Each structure stands twice: as C-alpha cells, then as structure tokens.
N, C-alpha and C. Protein backbone atom coordinates (compact mmCIF):
# COMPACT_ATOMS: atom_id res chain seq x y z
N UNK A 1 201.77 112.04 45.85
CA UNK A 1 202.53 112.73 46.87
C UNK A 1 203.53 111.74 47.48
N UNK A 2 204.76 112.19 47.63
CA UNK A 2 205.79 111.36 48.26
C UNK A 2 205.68 111.53 49.77
N UNK A 3 205.59 110.40 50.48
CA UNK A 3 205.59 110.43 51.94
C UNK A 3 206.72 109.54 52.44
N UNK A 4 207.15 109.85 53.66
CA UNK A 4 208.25 109.12 54.28
C UNK A 4 207.70 108.47 55.54
N UNK A 5 207.71 107.14 55.56
CA UNK A 5 207.11 106.37 56.64
C UNK A 5 208.21 105.90 57.59
N UNK A 6 208.16 106.35 58.86
CA UNK A 6 209.16 105.90 59.83
C UNK A 6 208.86 104.48 60.30
N UNK A 7 209.90 103.67 60.37
CA UNK A 7 209.78 102.29 60.84
C UNK A 7 211.01 101.93 61.65
N UNK A 8 211.04 100.70 62.10
CA UNK A 8 212.22 100.06 62.68
C UNK A 8 212.51 98.85 61.80
N UNK A 9 213.64 98.19 62.01
CA UNK A 9 213.90 96.98 61.21
C UNK A 9 212.84 95.91 61.44
N UNK A 10 212.37 95.67 62.70
CA UNK A 10 211.26 94.71 62.86
C UNK A 10 209.99 95.17 62.14
N UNK A 11 209.74 96.48 62.11
CA UNK A 11 208.59 97.01 61.39
C UNK A 11 208.72 96.79 59.89
N UNK A 12 209.94 96.96 59.38
CA UNK A 12 210.19 96.71 57.96
C UNK A 12 210.03 95.23 57.64
N UNK A 13 210.48 94.36 58.55
CA UNK A 13 210.32 92.91 58.35
C UNK A 13 208.83 92.55 58.30
N UNK A 14 208.04 93.17 59.17
CA UNK A 14 206.59 92.92 59.17
C UNK A 14 205.95 93.41 57.87
N UNK A 15 206.37 94.59 57.41
CA UNK A 15 205.84 95.11 56.15
C UNK A 15 206.23 94.20 54.99
N UNK A 16 207.44 93.66 55.03
CA UNK A 16 207.90 92.74 53.99
C UNK A 16 207.05 91.47 54.02
N UNK A 17 206.74 90.99 55.21
CA UNK A 17 205.96 89.76 55.36
C UNK A 17 204.51 89.95 54.88
N UNK A 18 203.90 91.08 55.26
CA UNK A 18 202.49 91.32 54.92
C UNK A 18 202.31 91.97 53.56
N UNK A 19 203.37 92.61 53.06
CA UNK A 19 203.27 93.33 51.80
C UNK A 19 202.66 94.72 51.94
N UNK A 20 202.46 95.16 53.20
CA UNK A 20 201.83 96.46 53.44
C UNK A 20 202.63 97.28 54.43
N UNK A 21 202.70 98.58 54.17
CA UNK A 21 203.32 99.50 55.13
C UNK A 21 202.36 99.80 56.26
N UNK A 22 201.12 99.61 56.02
CA UNK A 22 200.13 99.84 57.06
C UNK A 22 198.77 100.07 56.45
N UNK A 23 197.79 99.94 57.30
CA UNK A 23 196.44 100.30 56.91
C UNK A 23 196.10 101.54 57.71
N UNK A 24 195.71 102.57 57.00
CA UNK A 24 195.52 103.87 57.63
C UNK A 24 194.45 103.92 58.68
N UNK A 25 194.45 104.98 59.41
CA UNK A 25 195.42 106.06 59.27
C UNK A 25 196.71 105.76 60.04
N UNK A 26 197.84 106.17 59.46
CA UNK A 26 199.11 106.08 60.15
C UNK A 26 199.92 107.33 59.83
N UNK A 27 200.92 107.59 60.66
CA UNK A 27 201.71 108.81 60.54
C UNK A 27 202.87 108.61 59.57
N UNK A 28 203.06 109.60 58.74
CA UNK A 28 204.20 109.66 57.83
C UNK A 28 204.62 111.14 57.77
N UNK A 29 205.60 111.43 56.95
CA UNK A 29 206.09 112.80 56.83
C UNK A 29 206.18 113.15 55.36
N UNK A 30 205.91 114.42 55.05
CA UNK A 30 205.90 114.89 53.66
C UNK A 30 206.20 116.38 53.64
N UNK A 31 206.32 116.91 52.45
CA UNK A 31 206.50 118.35 52.30
C UNK A 31 205.13 118.99 52.46
N UNK A 32 204.90 119.57 53.62
CA UNK A 32 203.64 120.23 53.93
C UNK A 32 203.84 121.74 53.88
N UNK A 33 202.75 122.51 53.84
CA UNK A 33 202.91 123.98 53.88
C UNK A 33 203.69 124.45 55.11
N UNK A 34 203.45 123.84 56.26
CA UNK A 34 204.17 124.25 57.48
C UNK A 34 205.66 123.92 57.37
N UNK A 35 206.00 122.78 56.77
CA UNK A 35 207.42 122.43 56.59
C UNK A 35 208.08 123.42 55.63
N UNK A 36 207.38 123.80 54.57
CA UNK A 36 207.92 124.79 53.63
C UNK A 36 208.20 126.11 54.34
N UNK A 37 207.26 126.54 55.17
CA UNK A 37 207.41 127.80 55.89
C UNK A 37 208.58 127.73 56.89
N UNK A 38 208.70 126.60 57.58
CA UNK A 38 209.76 126.42 58.57
C UNK A 38 211.13 126.36 57.92
N UNK A 39 211.22 125.63 56.79
CA UNK A 39 212.52 125.39 56.16
C UNK A 39 212.98 126.57 55.31
N UNK A 40 212.05 127.38 54.88
CA UNK A 40 212.36 128.58 54.08
C UNK A 40 213.15 128.26 52.82
N UNK A 41 212.65 127.32 52.06
CA UNK A 41 213.31 126.98 50.80
C UNK A 41 212.24 126.61 49.78
N UNK A 42 212.54 126.91 48.52
CA UNK A 42 211.65 126.49 47.44
C UNK A 42 212.23 125.30 46.69
N UNK A 43 213.42 124.84 47.11
CA UNK A 43 214.08 123.72 46.46
C UNK A 43 213.39 122.43 46.90
N UNK A 44 212.74 121.77 45.97
CA UNK A 44 211.96 120.57 46.29
C UNK A 44 212.83 119.47 46.88
N UNK A 45 214.05 119.30 46.35
CA UNK A 45 214.93 118.26 46.88
C UNK A 45 215.32 118.54 48.33
N UNK A 46 215.58 119.80 48.65
CA UNK A 46 215.91 120.15 50.03
C UNK A 46 214.71 119.92 50.95
N UNK A 47 213.53 120.25 50.47
CA UNK A 47 212.32 120.05 51.27
C UNK A 47 212.05 118.56 51.50
N UNK A 48 212.26 117.76 50.46
CA UNK A 48 212.08 116.31 50.59
C UNK A 48 213.09 115.75 51.61
N UNK A 49 214.32 116.26 51.57
CA UNK A 49 215.34 115.83 52.51
C UNK A 49 214.95 116.21 53.95
N UNK A 50 214.37 117.39 54.12
CA UNK A 50 213.89 117.81 55.44
C UNK A 50 212.78 116.89 55.93
N UNK A 51 211.86 116.50 55.04
CA UNK A 51 210.78 115.57 55.41
C UNK A 51 211.36 114.21 55.77
N UNK A 52 212.35 113.74 55.02
CA UNK A 52 213.03 112.48 55.32
C UNK A 52 213.66 112.54 56.71
N UNK A 53 214.30 113.65 57.04
CA UNK A 53 214.92 113.78 58.36
C UNK A 53 213.89 113.83 59.48
N UNK A 54 212.74 114.41 59.22
CA UNK A 54 211.66 114.41 60.23
C UNK A 54 211.20 112.96 60.46
N UNK A 55 211.11 112.18 59.39
CA UNK A 55 210.73 110.77 59.52
C UNK A 55 211.82 109.98 60.25
N UNK A 56 213.08 110.32 60.03
CA UNK A 56 214.18 109.64 60.73
C UNK A 56 214.10 109.89 62.23
N UNK A 57 213.72 111.11 62.62
CA UNK A 57 213.53 111.41 64.04
C UNK A 57 212.35 110.60 64.60
N UNK A 58 211.30 110.46 63.82
CA UNK A 58 210.15 109.65 64.25
C UNK A 58 210.56 108.18 64.38
N UNK A 59 211.44 107.71 63.50
CA UNK A 59 211.95 106.34 63.60
C UNK A 59 212.75 106.18 64.89
N UNK A 60 213.53 107.20 65.24
CA UNK A 60 214.28 107.18 66.50
C UNK A 60 213.33 107.05 67.69
N UNK A 61 212.20 107.73 67.62
CA UNK A 61 211.19 107.63 68.69
C UNK A 61 210.62 106.22 68.77
N UNK A 62 210.43 105.59 67.62
CA UNK A 62 209.96 104.20 67.61
C UNK A 62 211.00 103.29 68.26
N UNK A 63 212.27 103.54 67.96
CA UNK A 63 213.34 102.74 68.56
C UNK A 63 213.38 102.91 70.07
N UNK A 64 213.16 104.13 70.55
CA UNK A 64 213.17 104.38 71.99
C UNK A 64 212.06 103.59 72.68
N UNK A 65 210.96 103.36 71.97
CA UNK A 65 209.83 102.61 72.54
C UNK A 65 209.96 101.11 72.31
N UNK A 66 210.93 100.69 71.53
CA UNK A 66 211.11 99.27 71.18
C UNK A 66 212.54 98.85 71.48
N UNK A 67 212.87 98.63 72.77
CA UNK A 67 214.26 98.39 73.16
C UNK A 67 214.92 97.17 72.51
N UNK A 68 214.15 96.21 72.06
CA UNK A 68 214.73 95.01 71.48
C UNK A 68 215.08 95.15 70.01
N UNK A 69 214.68 96.26 69.38
CA UNK A 69 214.93 96.44 67.95
C UNK A 69 216.38 96.84 67.70
N UNK A 70 216.92 96.40 66.57
CA UNK A 70 218.26 96.82 66.17
C UNK A 70 218.27 98.34 66.09
N UNK A 71 219.32 98.95 66.54
CA UNK A 71 219.41 100.40 66.66
C UNK A 71 219.81 101.04 65.34
N UNK A 72 218.90 100.93 64.37
CA UNK A 72 219.09 101.55 63.06
C UNK A 72 217.76 102.18 62.66
N UNK A 73 217.82 103.45 62.34
CA UNK A 73 216.60 104.14 61.90
C UNK A 73 216.24 103.66 60.49
N UNK A 74 214.93 103.57 60.23
CA UNK A 74 214.42 103.09 58.95
C UNK A 74 213.33 104.04 58.48
N UNK A 75 213.41 104.45 57.23
CA UNK A 75 212.37 105.29 56.62
C UNK A 75 212.09 104.73 55.23
N UNK A 76 210.81 104.53 54.94
CA UNK A 76 210.41 104.05 53.62
C UNK A 76 209.78 105.22 52.86
N UNK A 77 210.30 105.49 51.67
CA UNK A 77 209.75 106.54 50.80
C UNK A 77 208.74 105.88 49.86
N UNK A 78 207.54 106.41 49.85
CA UNK A 78 206.49 105.83 49.02
C UNK A 78 205.62 106.95 48.46
N UNK A 79 205.18 106.75 47.22
CA UNK A 79 204.27 107.70 46.60
C UNK A 79 202.84 107.21 46.81
N UNK A 80 202.01 108.12 47.32
CA UNK A 80 200.60 107.80 47.55
C UNK A 80 199.76 108.76 46.73
N UNK A 81 198.54 108.36 46.39
CA UNK A 81 197.67 109.26 45.62
C UNK A 81 197.38 110.55 46.39
N UNK A 82 197.27 111.65 45.66
CA UNK A 82 196.91 112.92 46.29
C UNK A 82 195.62 112.75 47.09
N UNK A 83 195.57 113.38 48.23
CA UNK A 83 194.39 113.28 49.09
C UNK A 83 194.47 112.14 50.08
N UNK A 84 195.39 111.20 49.85
CA UNK A 84 195.57 110.07 50.77
C UNK A 84 196.31 110.49 52.03
N UNK A 85 197.18 111.49 51.88
CA UNK A 85 197.98 111.98 53.01
C UNK A 85 197.58 113.43 53.27
N UNK A 86 197.17 113.70 54.51
CA UNK A 86 196.75 115.06 54.86
C UNK A 86 197.41 115.51 56.15
N UNK A 87 197.75 116.78 56.18
CA UNK A 87 198.32 117.39 57.38
C UNK A 87 197.18 117.91 58.25
N UNK A 88 197.37 117.82 59.54
CA UNK A 88 196.40 118.35 60.49
C UNK A 88 196.63 119.85 60.62
N UNK A 89 195.68 120.68 60.16
CA UNK A 89 195.90 122.13 60.20
C UNK A 89 196.06 122.67 61.62
N UNK A 90 195.52 121.99 62.61
CA UNK A 90 195.64 122.43 64.00
C UNK A 90 197.04 122.20 64.55
N UNK A 91 197.80 121.29 63.93
CA UNK A 91 199.15 120.98 64.41
C UNK A 91 200.22 121.51 63.47
N UNK A 92 199.82 122.23 62.44
CA UNK A 92 200.74 122.68 61.41
C UNK A 92 201.93 123.46 61.91
N UNK A 93 201.76 124.30 62.91
CA UNK A 93 202.86 125.12 63.40
C UNK A 93 203.52 124.54 64.64
N UNK A 94 203.05 123.39 65.10
CA UNK A 94 203.67 122.72 66.24
C UNK A 94 205.03 122.18 65.78
N UNK A 95 206.14 122.64 66.39
CA UNK A 95 207.46 122.18 65.93
C UNK A 95 207.62 120.67 65.93
N UNK A 96 206.93 119.98 66.83
CA UNK A 96 207.04 118.52 66.88
C UNK A 96 206.29 117.85 65.73
N UNK A 97 205.41 118.58 65.07
CA UNK A 97 204.59 117.98 64.02
C UNK A 97 204.93 118.48 62.62
N UNK A 98 206.04 119.21 62.47
CA UNK A 98 206.40 119.72 61.15
C UNK A 98 206.55 118.58 60.14
N UNK A 99 205.82 118.69 59.05
CA UNK A 99 205.88 117.68 58.00
C UNK A 99 205.02 116.45 58.26
N UNK A 100 204.39 116.38 59.42
CA UNK A 100 203.60 115.20 59.77
C UNK A 100 202.31 115.17 58.96
N UNK A 101 201.99 113.99 58.44
CA UNK A 101 200.73 113.77 57.72
C UNK A 101 200.12 112.46 58.21
N UNK A 102 198.82 112.34 58.01
CA UNK A 102 198.12 111.09 58.28
C UNK A 102 197.79 110.46 56.93
N UNK A 103 198.17 109.21 56.78
CA UNK A 103 197.92 108.49 55.55
C UNK A 103 196.73 107.57 55.78
N UNK A 104 195.74 107.67 54.91
CA UNK A 104 194.55 106.82 55.02
C UNK A 104 194.63 105.71 53.97
N UNK A 105 193.93 104.64 54.25
CA UNK A 105 193.92 103.52 53.32
C UNK A 105 195.11 102.62 53.52
N UNK A 106 195.15 101.59 52.72
CA UNK A 106 196.25 100.62 52.77
C UNK A 106 197.33 101.03 51.79
N UNK A 107 198.57 100.96 52.23
CA UNK A 107 199.70 101.31 51.35
C UNK A 107 200.55 100.06 51.16
N UNK A 108 200.60 99.60 49.93
CA UNK A 108 201.37 98.40 49.60
C UNK A 108 202.86 98.71 49.61
N UNK A 109 203.65 97.83 50.19
CA UNK A 109 205.10 97.99 50.19
C UNK A 109 205.62 98.01 48.75
N UNK A 110 204.94 97.34 47.85
CA UNK A 110 205.35 97.31 46.44
C UNK A 110 205.34 98.70 45.81
N UNK A 111 204.62 99.64 46.41
CA UNK A 111 204.56 101.01 45.89
C UNK A 111 205.73 101.86 46.37
N UNK A 112 206.55 101.31 47.26
CA UNK A 112 207.67 102.07 47.81
C UNK A 112 208.69 102.38 46.73
N UNK A 113 209.24 103.59 46.82
CA UNK A 113 210.28 104.01 45.87
C UNK A 113 211.66 103.61 46.36
N UNK A 114 211.85 103.64 47.69
CA UNK A 114 213.16 103.33 48.26
C UNK A 114 213.03 103.13 49.76
N UNK A 115 214.08 102.56 50.33
CA UNK A 115 214.17 102.40 51.78
C UNK A 115 215.47 103.08 52.21
N UNK A 116 215.37 103.84 53.30
CA UNK A 116 216.55 104.53 53.84
C UNK A 116 216.83 103.95 55.23
N UNK A 117 218.07 103.49 55.46
CA UNK A 117 218.43 102.82 56.70
C UNK A 117 219.81 103.28 57.15
N UNK A 118 219.98 103.39 58.47
CA UNK A 118 221.30 103.70 59.01
C UNK A 118 222.28 102.59 58.67
N UNK A 119 223.54 102.97 58.51
CA UNK A 119 224.60 101.98 58.34
C UNK A 119 224.94 101.38 59.71
N UNK A 120 225.68 100.29 59.68
CA UNK A 120 226.08 99.64 60.93
C UNK A 120 226.86 100.58 61.84
N UNK A 121 227.67 101.45 61.25
CA UNK A 121 228.51 102.32 62.08
C UNK A 121 227.72 103.42 62.80
N UNK A 122 226.44 103.55 62.51
CA UNK A 122 225.60 104.54 63.20
C UNK A 122 224.98 103.98 64.48
N UNK A 123 225.04 102.66 64.66
CA UNK A 123 224.31 102.03 65.75
C UNK A 123 224.66 102.57 67.13
N UNK A 124 225.93 102.84 67.39
CA UNK A 124 226.32 103.34 68.71
C UNK A 124 225.68 104.71 68.98
N UNK A 125 225.73 105.61 68.00
CA UNK A 125 225.14 106.93 68.19
C UNK A 125 223.62 106.87 68.24
N UNK A 126 223.02 106.01 67.44
CA UNK A 126 221.56 105.86 67.43
C UNK A 126 221.10 105.26 68.77
N UNK A 127 221.85 104.31 69.29
CA UNK A 127 221.53 103.73 70.60
C UNK A 127 221.56 104.81 71.68
N UNK A 128 222.60 105.61 71.68
CA UNK A 128 222.72 106.70 72.66
C UNK A 128 221.59 107.71 72.49
N UNK A 129 221.27 108.04 71.26
CA UNK A 129 220.21 109.01 70.99
C UNK A 129 218.85 108.51 71.45
N UNK A 130 218.56 107.23 71.19
CA UNK A 130 217.28 106.67 71.63
C UNK A 130 217.18 106.71 73.16
N UNK A 131 218.30 106.46 73.83
CA UNK A 131 218.32 106.51 75.29
C UNK A 131 218.20 107.91 75.85
N UNK A 132 218.63 108.91 75.09
CA UNK A 132 218.61 110.31 75.57
C UNK A 132 217.36 111.06 75.15
N UNK A 133 216.51 110.45 74.35
CA UNK A 133 215.36 111.15 73.77
C UNK A 133 214.42 111.74 74.82
N UNK A 134 214.07 110.98 75.83
CA UNK A 134 213.14 111.47 76.85
C UNK A 134 213.71 112.69 77.58
N UNK A 135 214.99 112.64 77.93
CA UNK A 135 215.62 113.77 78.61
C UNK A 135 215.70 114.98 77.68
N UNK A 136 215.97 114.75 76.40
CA UNK A 136 216.02 115.85 75.43
C UNK A 136 214.65 116.50 75.31
N UNK A 137 213.61 115.67 75.27
CA UNK A 137 212.25 116.20 75.20
C UNK A 137 211.91 117.03 76.43
N UNK A 138 212.56 116.72 77.54
CA UNK A 138 212.35 117.45 78.78
C UNK A 138 213.17 118.71 78.89
N UNK A 139 213.96 119.02 77.86
CA UNK A 139 214.72 120.26 77.85
C UNK A 139 216.18 120.14 78.22
N UNK A 140 216.69 118.93 78.41
CA UNK A 140 218.09 118.72 78.76
C UNK A 140 218.96 118.96 77.52
N UNK A 141 219.77 120.02 77.56
CA UNK A 141 220.61 120.39 76.41
C UNK A 141 221.67 119.34 76.09
N UNK A 142 222.23 118.71 77.13
CA UNK A 142 223.24 117.67 76.89
C UNK A 142 222.61 116.47 76.19
N UNK A 143 221.40 116.11 76.62
CA UNK A 143 220.69 115.00 75.98
C UNK A 143 220.34 115.36 74.53
N UNK A 144 219.95 116.61 74.29
CA UNK A 144 219.64 117.03 72.92
C UNK A 144 220.86 116.93 72.03
N UNK A 145 222.03 117.24 72.59
CA UNK A 145 223.29 117.10 71.84
C UNK A 145 223.50 115.64 71.42
N UNK A 146 223.18 114.71 72.32
CA UNK A 146 223.31 113.28 72.02
C UNK A 146 222.33 112.88 70.92
N UNK A 147 221.08 113.36 71.04
CA UNK A 147 220.06 113.06 70.02
C UNK A 147 220.50 113.61 68.67
N UNK A 148 221.01 114.83 68.67
CA UNK A 148 221.48 115.43 67.42
C UNK A 148 222.64 114.64 66.80
N UNK A 149 223.39 113.92 67.63
CA UNK A 149 224.50 113.11 67.13
C UNK A 149 224.04 112.03 66.16
N UNK A 150 222.83 111.52 66.34
CA UNK A 150 222.31 110.52 65.40
C UNK A 150 222.10 111.14 64.02
N UNK A 151 221.73 112.41 64.00
CA UNK A 151 221.49 113.09 62.73
C UNK A 151 222.77 113.32 61.93
N UNK A 152 223.92 113.16 62.58
CA UNK A 152 225.19 113.28 61.87
C UNK A 152 225.39 112.12 60.89
N UNK A 153 224.62 111.07 61.05
CA UNK A 153 224.72 109.90 60.17
C UNK A 153 223.65 109.99 59.09
N UNK A 154 224.10 109.94 57.86
CA UNK A 154 223.17 109.95 56.73
C UNK A 154 222.55 108.56 56.60
N UNK A 155 221.26 108.53 56.33
CA UNK A 155 220.62 107.25 56.05
C UNK A 155 221.05 106.80 54.66
N UNK A 156 221.34 105.52 54.53
CA UNK A 156 221.73 104.95 53.25
C UNK A 156 220.49 104.62 52.43
N UNK A 157 220.62 104.72 51.12
CA UNK A 157 219.52 104.45 50.20
C UNK A 157 219.60 103.00 49.74
N UNK A 158 218.44 102.33 49.79
CA UNK A 158 218.35 100.96 49.30
C UNK A 158 217.15 100.84 48.37
N UNK A 159 217.32 100.07 47.31
CA UNK A 159 216.19 99.74 46.45
C UNK A 159 215.28 98.77 47.19
N UNK A 160 214.03 98.76 46.84
CA UNK A 160 213.08 97.88 47.55
C UNK A 160 213.44 96.41 47.37
N UNK A 161 214.11 96.08 46.28
CA UNK A 161 214.52 94.69 46.05
C UNK A 161 215.57 94.25 47.06
N UNK A 162 216.18 95.19 47.75
CA UNK A 162 217.22 94.87 48.74
C UNK A 162 216.67 94.63 50.14
N UNK A 163 215.36 94.77 50.31
CA UNK A 163 214.77 94.59 51.65
C UNK A 163 215.09 93.22 52.23
N UNK A 164 214.98 92.12 51.47
CA UNK A 164 215.34 90.82 52.06
C UNK A 164 216.77 90.78 52.58
N UNK A 165 217.70 91.46 51.89
CA UNK A 165 219.09 91.50 52.38
C UNK A 165 219.19 92.29 53.68
N UNK A 166 218.43 93.37 53.79
CA UNK A 166 218.43 94.14 55.03
C UNK A 166 217.90 93.33 56.21
N UNK A 167 216.99 92.42 55.91
CA UNK A 167 216.41 91.58 56.94
C UNK A 167 217.22 90.32 57.21
N UNK A 168 218.28 90.12 56.42
CA UNK A 168 219.09 88.91 56.57
C UNK A 168 218.43 87.71 55.93
N UNK A 169 217.48 87.96 55.00
CA UNK A 169 216.75 86.87 54.36
C UNK A 169 217.27 86.57 52.96
N UNK A 170 218.13 87.46 52.45
CA UNK A 170 218.56 87.30 51.06
C UNK A 170 219.94 86.76 50.92
C-alpha cells in the first residue's frame, strides 16, 4: 500500500540521519474507503493525488507547530506491506481525517518511492498559511482563503537520492 508521510525539512533531515521515517504507530495518508467516497472517483491516480494533498495539509500543520522550520511542505511517498497501515473506522467520515491511516512498525527511508517538497517560491504563501491555520480551523473564511493559497503550489517530485541536496548536504 502506498502511504504519504507528512514531514517538515527538519523531519526529513532526521529521517535521512536515522534511515527511518518513523517507528509506528505514526500518521500517514492513503487511499482509504472514506477518501474514495469523499472524492467520488475511481481513478487511482486522482485518488493518490488527493491522499498526497491531505498529507501536504498535515505537513502544513506540522509547520505551524514548528516555527523554526523552513516554510516548505514535505511529503514522503512510501510503499508499506498491506496491513501495516490501517484507517480508524470511527474517524472514517470525519472530514479532518479523510485518508488518514496509522502505520505500525518501522518504515525505512530506503523504502521511499519519492519525496514531494514545495519549491522556494511557495515559501511566502506557505508561511502565511501556517500562520492562518488556527484561525481557519476556527471558521474564519479569510484565514481559510490564505490556507487554501498554499494548495495553489504543486509539490515538486524528488527522487530519494536527491534528499541530501534538499538538506544542503549534497
């Protein structure tokens, strides 16, 4: 099963250093039955893209909680064995939890298929979005507009061999 793990650049640097995305359980995003129902599509690529975007929003939440991190959303795509990632059936229809899964066990960074990261030109909008997230969660429509502005930026695709360059180590 392909899962999308939300991180920050410091989180990616830590994963690069340890060789692990995490030891479970940790939150990731995937094509779940609830995501399929919400998105109303049978196109697997579209559903995977929706899961990636859910992970990008979770990365934005991590950035809001980590003010010192570079303002670039990070999502790592990794394939895990079936049964390793499970959706909570009690949260399946919760809009905030669409596509959310819990991954158990240790996931090696070497198993990652790709890394998705904002470009430099997204930093201003991502910074604003991270700052507006709490107000958007509280129902402020103007703040939600700012948060949605980060989604206007497509995450760039990087091969896992490029992680050292993303960290400034290569």
